N, C-alpha and C. Protein backbone atom coordinates (compact mmCIF):
# COMPACT_ATOMS: atom_id res chain seq x y z
N MET A 1 132.70 93.69 151.09
CA MET A 1 131.68 93.83 150.10
C MET A 1 132.03 95.00 149.18
N ILE A 2 131.77 94.78 147.90
CA ILE A 2 132.02 95.83 146.92
C ILE A 2 130.67 96.35 146.43
N ASN A 3 130.54 97.64 146.46
CA ASN A 3 129.31 98.26 146.02
C ASN A 3 129.64 99.14 144.81
N ILE A 4 129.00 98.82 143.66
CA ILE A 4 129.25 99.60 142.44
C ILE A 4 127.96 100.27 142.03
N GLU A 5 128.05 101.55 141.77
CA GLU A 5 126.88 102.31 141.36
C GLU A 5 127.21 103.00 140.04
N VAL A 6 126.30 102.83 139.08
CA VAL A 6 126.49 103.47 137.78
C VAL A 6 125.30 104.38 137.52
N ARG A 7 125.57 105.58 137.15
CA ARG A 7 124.52 106.54 136.81
C ARG A 7 124.79 107.08 135.42
N PHE A 8 123.73 107.16 134.65
CA PHE A 8 123.86 107.75 133.32
C PHE A 8 123.73 109.26 133.45
N SER A 9 124.54 109.93 132.69
CA SER A 9 124.39 111.38 132.67
C SER A 9 123.12 111.71 131.90
N LYS A 10 122.61 112.90 132.07
CA LYS A 10 121.40 113.32 131.35
C LYS A 10 121.61 113.25 129.84
N ASP A 11 122.81 113.60 129.39
CA ASP A 11 123.11 113.56 127.96
C ASP A 11 123.02 112.14 127.41
N LEU A 12 123.59 111.19 128.14
CA LEU A 12 123.56 109.79 127.70
C LEU A 12 122.14 109.25 127.72
N THR A 13 121.38 109.56 128.73
CA THR A 13 119.99 109.10 128.83
C THR A 13 119.18 109.66 127.66
N ALA A 14 119.37 110.93 127.38
CA ALA A 14 118.65 111.55 126.26
C ALA A 14 119.06 110.92 124.94
N ALA A 15 120.35 110.64 124.78
CA ALA A 15 120.84 110.02 123.55
C ALA A 15 120.27 108.62 123.38
N LEU A 16 120.19 107.85 124.48
CA LEU A 16 119.62 106.50 124.41
C LEU A 16 118.13 106.55 124.07
N GLU A 17 117.41 107.50 124.65
CA GLU A 17 115.99 107.65 124.35
C GLU A 17 115.78 108.04 122.88
N LYS A 18 116.63 108.92 122.41
CA LYS A 18 116.55 109.35 121.01
C LYS A 18 116.84 108.17 120.07
N TYR A 19 117.85 107.37 120.42
CA TYR A 19 118.20 106.19 119.62
C TYR A 19 117.04 105.19 119.60
N GLU A 20 116.45 104.95 120.76
CA GLU A 20 115.32 104.01 120.85
C GLU A 20 114.17 104.49 119.98
N LYS A 21 113.87 105.77 120.03
CA LYS A 21 112.79 106.34 119.24
C LYS A 21 113.07 106.17 117.74
N ARG A 22 114.32 106.43 117.34
CA ARG A 22 114.69 106.30 115.93
C ARG A 22 114.58 104.85 115.46
N VAL A 23 115.02 103.91 116.29
CA VAL A 23 114.94 102.49 115.93
C VAL A 23 113.47 102.08 115.77
N LYS A 24 112.62 102.51 116.70
CA LYS A 24 111.19 102.18 116.61
C LYS A 24 110.57 102.77 115.35
N GLN A 25 110.92 104.02 115.03
CA GLN A 25 110.37 104.66 113.83
C GLN A 25 110.83 103.95 112.56
N GLN A 26 112.10 103.56 112.52
CA GLN A 26 112.62 102.84 111.35
C GLN A 26 111.94 101.49 111.20
N ALA A 27 111.72 100.80 112.31
CA ALA A 27 111.05 99.50 112.26
C ALA A 27 109.61 99.66 111.81
N LEU A 28 108.93 100.68 112.33
CA LEU A 28 107.56 100.95 111.94
C LEU A 28 107.46 101.28 110.46
N LEU A 29 108.32 102.15 109.97
CA LEU A 29 108.31 102.52 108.56
C LEU A 29 108.58 101.31 107.68
N SER A 30 109.53 100.48 108.08
CA SER A 30 109.85 99.29 107.32
C SER A 30 108.66 98.31 107.29
N GLY A 31 107.99 98.16 108.42
CA GLY A 31 106.83 97.28 108.48
C GLY A 31 105.67 97.77 107.64
N VAL A 32 105.42 99.04 107.69
CA VAL A 32 104.33 99.61 106.89
C VAL A 32 104.67 99.51 105.40
N ALA A 33 105.93 99.71 105.06
CA ALA A 33 106.35 99.58 103.66
C ALA A 33 106.12 98.16 103.16
N LYS A 34 106.41 97.18 103.99
CA LYS A 34 106.20 95.78 103.60
C LYS A 34 104.71 95.49 103.43
N ALA A 35 103.89 95.98 104.34
CA ALA A 35 102.44 95.78 104.23
C ALA A 35 101.92 96.43 102.95
N ALA A 36 102.39 97.63 102.65
CA ALA A 36 101.97 98.32 101.43
C ALA A 36 102.44 97.55 100.19
N GLU A 37 103.60 96.94 100.28
CA GLU A 37 104.12 96.16 99.15
C GLU A 37 103.20 94.97 98.83
N VAL A 38 102.70 94.31 99.87
CA VAL A 38 101.80 93.17 99.64
C VAL A 38 100.53 93.64 98.91
N ILE A 39 99.94 94.74 99.37
CA ILE A 39 98.73 95.27 98.73
C ILE A 39 99.05 95.73 97.31
N TYR A 40 100.19 96.41 97.14
CA TYR A 40 100.63 96.89 95.82
C TYR A 40 100.75 95.74 94.83
N GLU A 41 101.39 94.66 95.24
CA GLU A 41 101.56 93.50 94.35
C GLU A 41 100.21 92.89 93.99
N GLU A 42 99.29 92.87 94.93
CA GLU A 42 97.97 92.32 94.65
C GLU A 42 97.20 93.21 93.68
N VAL A 43 97.29 94.52 93.85
CA VAL A 43 96.63 95.45 92.93
C VAL A 43 97.20 95.28 91.52
N LYS A 44 98.52 95.18 91.41
CA LYS A 44 99.14 94.97 90.09
C LYS A 44 98.67 93.67 89.46
N LEU A 45 98.57 92.63 90.27
CA LEU A 45 98.10 91.34 89.78
C LEU A 45 96.66 91.45 89.30
N ASN A 46 95.82 92.13 90.07
CA ASN A 46 94.43 92.34 89.67
C ASN A 46 94.35 93.13 88.36
N ALA A 47 95.23 94.10 88.20
CA ALA A 47 95.23 94.92 86.99
C ALA A 47 95.62 94.11 85.76
N THR A 48 96.48 93.11 85.93
CA THR A 48 96.90 92.31 84.77
C THR A 48 95.94 91.16 84.51
N ARG A 49 95.26 90.67 85.52
CA ARG A 49 94.37 89.54 85.30
C ARG A 49 92.95 89.97 84.95
N GLY A 50 92.80 91.25 84.68
CA GLY A 50 91.48 91.79 84.41
C GLY A 50 90.74 91.15 83.27
N GLY A 51 91.45 90.65 82.28
CA GLY A 51 90.79 89.98 81.16
C GLY A 51 90.25 90.94 80.13
N PRO A 52 89.36 90.47 79.30
CA PRO A 52 88.90 91.24 78.14
C PRO A 52 88.10 92.49 78.49
N GLN A 53 87.54 92.58 79.71
CA GLN A 53 86.76 93.77 80.03
C GLN A 53 87.65 95.00 80.23
N PHE A 54 88.93 94.80 80.48
CA PHE A 54 89.83 95.94 80.65
C PHE A 54 90.29 96.42 79.27
N PRO A 55 90.36 97.72 79.07
CA PRO A 55 90.83 98.24 77.78
C PRO A 55 92.26 97.81 77.51
N ASP A 56 92.45 97.16 76.41
CA ASP A 56 93.78 96.75 75.94
C ASP A 56 94.63 96.14 77.06
N PRO A 57 94.20 94.99 77.63
CA PRO A 57 94.95 94.41 78.75
C PRO A 57 96.37 94.00 78.37
N GLN A 58 96.62 93.78 77.09
CA GLN A 58 97.96 93.38 76.67
C GLN A 58 98.96 94.52 76.74
N SER A 59 98.50 95.75 76.71
CA SER A 59 99.43 96.88 76.72
C SER A 59 100.13 97.03 78.07
N GLY A 60 99.47 96.61 79.13
CA GLY A 60 100.06 96.72 80.46
C GLY A 60 100.02 98.12 81.03
N GLU A 61 99.29 99.04 80.39
CA GLU A 61 99.24 100.43 80.86
C GLU A 61 98.61 100.54 82.24
N LEU A 62 97.58 99.75 82.48
CA LEU A 62 96.94 99.81 83.78
C LEU A 62 97.89 99.32 84.87
N GLU A 63 98.58 98.24 84.61
CA GLU A 63 99.54 97.70 85.58
C GLU A 63 100.66 98.72 85.83
N LYS A 64 101.13 99.37 84.77
CA LYS A 64 102.19 100.37 84.93
C LYS A 64 101.73 101.59 85.71
N ALA A 65 100.43 101.87 85.69
CA ALA A 65 99.89 103.04 86.38
C ALA A 65 99.80 102.84 87.88
N VAL A 66 99.84 101.59 88.34
CA VAL A 66 99.73 101.30 89.77
C VAL A 66 101.03 101.70 90.47
N TYR A 67 100.91 102.36 91.61
CA TYR A 67 102.09 102.78 92.36
C TYR A 67 101.82 102.72 93.85
N ARG A 68 102.88 102.76 94.62
CA ARG A 68 102.79 102.91 96.08
C ARG A 68 103.79 103.98 96.46
N ALA A 69 103.43 104.76 97.46
CA ALA A 69 104.31 105.87 97.85
C ALA A 69 104.13 106.17 99.34
N TYR A 70 105.23 106.52 99.97
CA TYR A 70 105.22 106.96 101.36
C TYR A 70 104.77 108.41 101.38
N ILE A 71 103.87 108.76 102.30
CA ILE A 71 103.34 110.12 102.40
C ILE A 71 103.81 110.71 103.74
N PRO A 72 104.96 111.40 103.74
CA PRO A 72 105.47 111.94 105.00
C PRO A 72 104.56 113.00 105.62
N GLU A 73 103.81 113.73 104.79
CA GLU A 73 102.93 114.79 105.31
C GLU A 73 101.81 114.21 106.17
N ARG A 74 101.42 112.97 105.91
CA ARG A 74 100.33 112.33 106.65
C ARG A 74 100.86 111.35 107.69
N SER A 75 102.16 111.37 107.93
CA SER A 75 102.79 110.46 108.87
C SER A 75 103.23 111.20 110.12
N THR A 76 103.30 110.45 111.22
CA THR A 76 103.78 111.00 112.49
C THR A 76 104.81 110.01 113.04
N ASP A 77 105.29 110.27 114.25
CA ASP A 77 106.22 109.34 114.89
C ASP A 77 105.57 107.99 115.14
N GLU A 78 104.28 107.99 115.43
CA GLU A 78 103.56 106.76 115.76
C GLU A 78 102.80 106.17 114.59
N ARG A 79 102.68 106.89 113.48
CA ARG A 79 101.90 106.42 112.33
C ARG A 79 102.65 106.76 111.04
N LYS A 80 102.83 105.76 110.21
CA LYS A 80 103.45 105.97 108.90
C LYS A 80 102.40 105.66 107.84
N THR A 81 102.33 106.50 106.82
CA THR A 81 101.27 106.38 105.82
C THR A 81 101.85 106.09 104.44
N TYR A 82 101.33 105.05 103.83
CA TYR A 82 101.63 104.71 102.44
C TYR A 82 100.31 104.76 101.67
N VAL A 83 100.39 105.05 100.40
CA VAL A 83 99.22 105.01 99.53
C VAL A 83 99.52 104.04 98.39
N VAL A 84 98.52 103.25 98.04
CA VAL A 84 98.59 102.39 96.86
C VAL A 84 97.44 102.84 95.98
N ALA A 85 97.74 103.25 94.78
CA ALA A 85 96.73 103.80 93.89
C ALA A 85 97.18 103.65 92.43
N ALA A 86 96.44 104.29 91.54
CA ALA A 86 96.79 104.29 90.12
C ALA A 86 96.95 105.73 89.66
N ARG A 87 97.94 105.95 88.81
CA ARG A 87 98.19 107.29 88.25
C ARG A 87 97.24 107.53 87.07
N ASN A 88 96.93 108.78 86.87
CA ASN A 88 96.11 109.13 85.71
C ASN A 88 96.91 109.04 84.41
N ARG A 89 98.20 109.36 84.51
CA ARG A 89 99.05 109.36 83.32
C ARG A 89 99.16 107.95 82.74
N GLY A 90 98.76 107.77 81.51
CA GLY A 90 98.89 106.48 80.85
C GLY A 90 97.68 105.58 81.02
N ALA A 91 96.92 105.76 82.08
CA ALA A 91 95.75 104.92 82.31
C ALA A 91 94.67 105.74 83.01
N PHE A 92 94.28 106.83 82.36
CA PHE A 92 93.29 107.73 82.95
C PHE A 92 91.97 107.01 83.24
N TYR A 93 91.75 105.91 82.56
CA TYR A 93 90.49 105.17 82.66
C TYR A 93 90.41 104.31 83.92
N TRP A 94 91.45 104.28 84.75
CA TRP A 94 91.45 103.41 85.92
C TRP A 94 90.24 103.66 86.81
N ARG A 95 89.86 104.93 86.98
CA ARG A 95 88.74 105.26 87.88
C ARG A 95 87.41 104.77 87.32
N PHE A 96 87.30 104.72 85.97
CA PHE A 96 86.07 104.20 85.37
C PHE A 96 85.94 102.70 85.64
N LEU A 97 87.06 102.01 85.58
CA LEU A 97 87.06 100.58 85.88
C LEU A 97 86.78 100.35 87.36
N GLU A 98 87.45 101.10 88.20
CA GLU A 98 87.34 100.89 89.65
C GLU A 98 85.94 101.21 90.17
N PHE A 99 85.35 102.30 89.69
CA PHE A 99 84.07 102.76 90.25
C PHE A 99 82.89 102.63 89.31
N GLY A 100 83.13 102.33 88.05
CA GLY A 100 82.05 102.23 87.07
C GLY A 100 81.62 103.59 86.56
N THR A 101 80.73 103.56 85.61
CA THR A 101 80.16 104.79 85.05
C THR A 101 78.65 104.58 84.92
N SER A 102 77.98 105.57 84.38
CA SER A 102 76.53 105.41 84.18
C SER A 102 76.23 104.37 83.10
N LYS A 103 77.24 104.06 82.28
CA LYS A 103 77.04 103.10 81.19
C LYS A 103 77.81 101.80 81.37
N MET A 104 78.59 101.70 82.45
CA MET A 104 79.42 100.51 82.64
C MET A 104 79.49 100.19 84.14
N PRO A 105 79.27 98.94 84.49
CA PRO A 105 79.40 98.59 85.90
C PRO A 105 80.86 98.63 86.35
N ALA A 106 81.07 98.80 87.64
CA ALA A 106 82.43 98.82 88.19
C ALA A 106 83.09 97.46 88.00
N GLN A 107 84.37 97.51 87.68
CA GLN A 107 85.21 96.31 87.57
C GLN A 107 86.47 96.58 88.39
N PRO A 108 86.31 96.64 89.71
CA PRO A 108 87.40 97.09 90.57
C PRO A 108 88.61 96.18 90.55
N PHE A 109 89.76 96.79 90.66
CA PHE A 109 91.03 96.05 90.77
C PHE A 109 91.83 96.52 91.98
N ILE A 110 91.50 97.69 92.54
CA ILE A 110 92.19 98.19 93.73
C ILE A 110 91.49 97.70 95.00
N ARG A 111 90.20 97.94 95.10
CA ARG A 111 89.47 97.58 96.32
C ARG A 111 89.52 96.09 96.66
N PRO A 112 89.48 95.17 95.70
CA PRO A 112 89.58 93.76 96.07
C PRO A 112 90.89 93.39 96.75
N ALA A 113 91.92 94.18 96.56
CA ALA A 113 93.21 93.89 97.20
C ALA A 113 93.13 94.03 98.71
N THR A 114 92.14 94.77 99.21
CA THR A 114 92.01 94.91 100.66
C THR A 114 91.61 93.59 101.32
N ALA A 115 91.16 92.62 100.55
CA ALA A 115 90.87 91.29 101.10
C ALA A 115 92.15 90.64 101.62
N HIS A 116 93.29 91.13 101.18
CA HIS A 116 94.58 90.58 101.60
C HIS A 116 95.22 91.41 102.71
N LEU A 117 94.41 92.22 103.37
CA LEU A 117 94.92 93.10 104.42
C LEU A 117 95.54 92.32 105.58
N ASN A 118 94.92 91.22 105.99
CA ASN A 118 95.50 90.43 107.08
C ASN A 118 96.87 89.90 106.72
N ARG A 119 97.01 89.41 105.48
CA ARG A 119 98.32 88.92 105.03
C ARG A 119 99.33 90.06 104.99
N ALA A 120 98.88 91.24 104.57
CA ALA A 120 99.77 92.41 104.52
C ALA A 120 100.20 92.81 105.93
N LEU A 121 99.26 92.81 106.87
CA LEU A 121 99.61 93.17 108.25
C LEU A 121 100.56 92.16 108.87
N ASP A 122 100.34 90.88 108.58
CA ASP A 122 101.26 89.85 109.10
C ASP A 122 102.67 90.05 108.54
N ALA A 123 102.75 90.35 107.24
CA ALA A 123 104.06 90.59 106.62
C ALA A 123 104.72 91.82 107.22
N GLY A 124 103.92 92.86 107.49
CA GLY A 124 104.45 94.08 108.11
C GLY A 124 104.96 93.83 109.51
N LYS A 125 104.21 93.06 110.29
CA LYS A 125 104.64 92.73 111.66
C LYS A 125 105.93 91.91 111.64
N GLU A 126 105.99 90.98 110.70
CA GLU A 126 107.20 90.15 110.58
C GLU A 126 108.41 91.02 110.24
N ARG A 127 108.23 91.96 109.32
CA ARG A 127 109.33 92.86 108.94
C ARG A 127 109.76 93.72 110.13
N MET A 128 108.79 94.21 110.90
CA MET A 128 109.14 95.03 112.07
C MET A 128 109.93 94.21 113.09
N ALA A 129 109.52 92.98 113.31
CA ALA A 129 110.24 92.11 114.24
C ALA A 129 111.66 91.87 113.76
N GLU A 130 111.82 91.64 112.46
CA GLU A 130 113.17 91.45 111.89
C GLU A 130 114.03 92.68 112.12
N ARG A 131 113.45 93.85 111.85
CA ARG A 131 114.22 95.11 112.00
C ARG A 131 114.60 95.35 113.46
N LEU A 132 113.69 95.06 114.38
CA LEU A 132 113.99 95.28 115.80
C LEU A 132 115.02 94.28 116.30
N ASN A 133 115.02 93.07 115.76
CA ASN A 133 115.97 92.05 116.20
C ASN A 133 117.35 92.24 115.61
N GLU A 134 117.48 92.97 114.52
CA GLU A 134 118.80 93.17 113.93
C GLU A 134 119.55 94.32 114.58
N LYS A 135 118.90 95.09 115.40
CA LYS A 135 119.56 96.24 116.05
C LYS A 135 120.38 95.78 117.23
């Protein structure tokens, strides 16, 4: 009978654990980025389909003001944070449309995109699975 025993050194075990953690973090970040992309595209679509109630919809300034960004300061190993919002530069009026004023009712284009959250989460999960399977 042949008996073979293999033991990992502490260095190798630590390196494997570190690699596993990095792969999980990369997959998580990629998945969250994909989910944010779905919401981002929906917000941009809402900004362009606003119609005549939006100031100068043909200029595209509102659509250009929409952005998504990774926020490392609000992220951890287990949580990655993206924001989808509108910049003040070029379309300072976005907040008046989104929340309304005392003289104008709200005509939101960001908040309705959250109706697509399930689709965004599904796309994010799919991306994470792809990333984990390619390793």
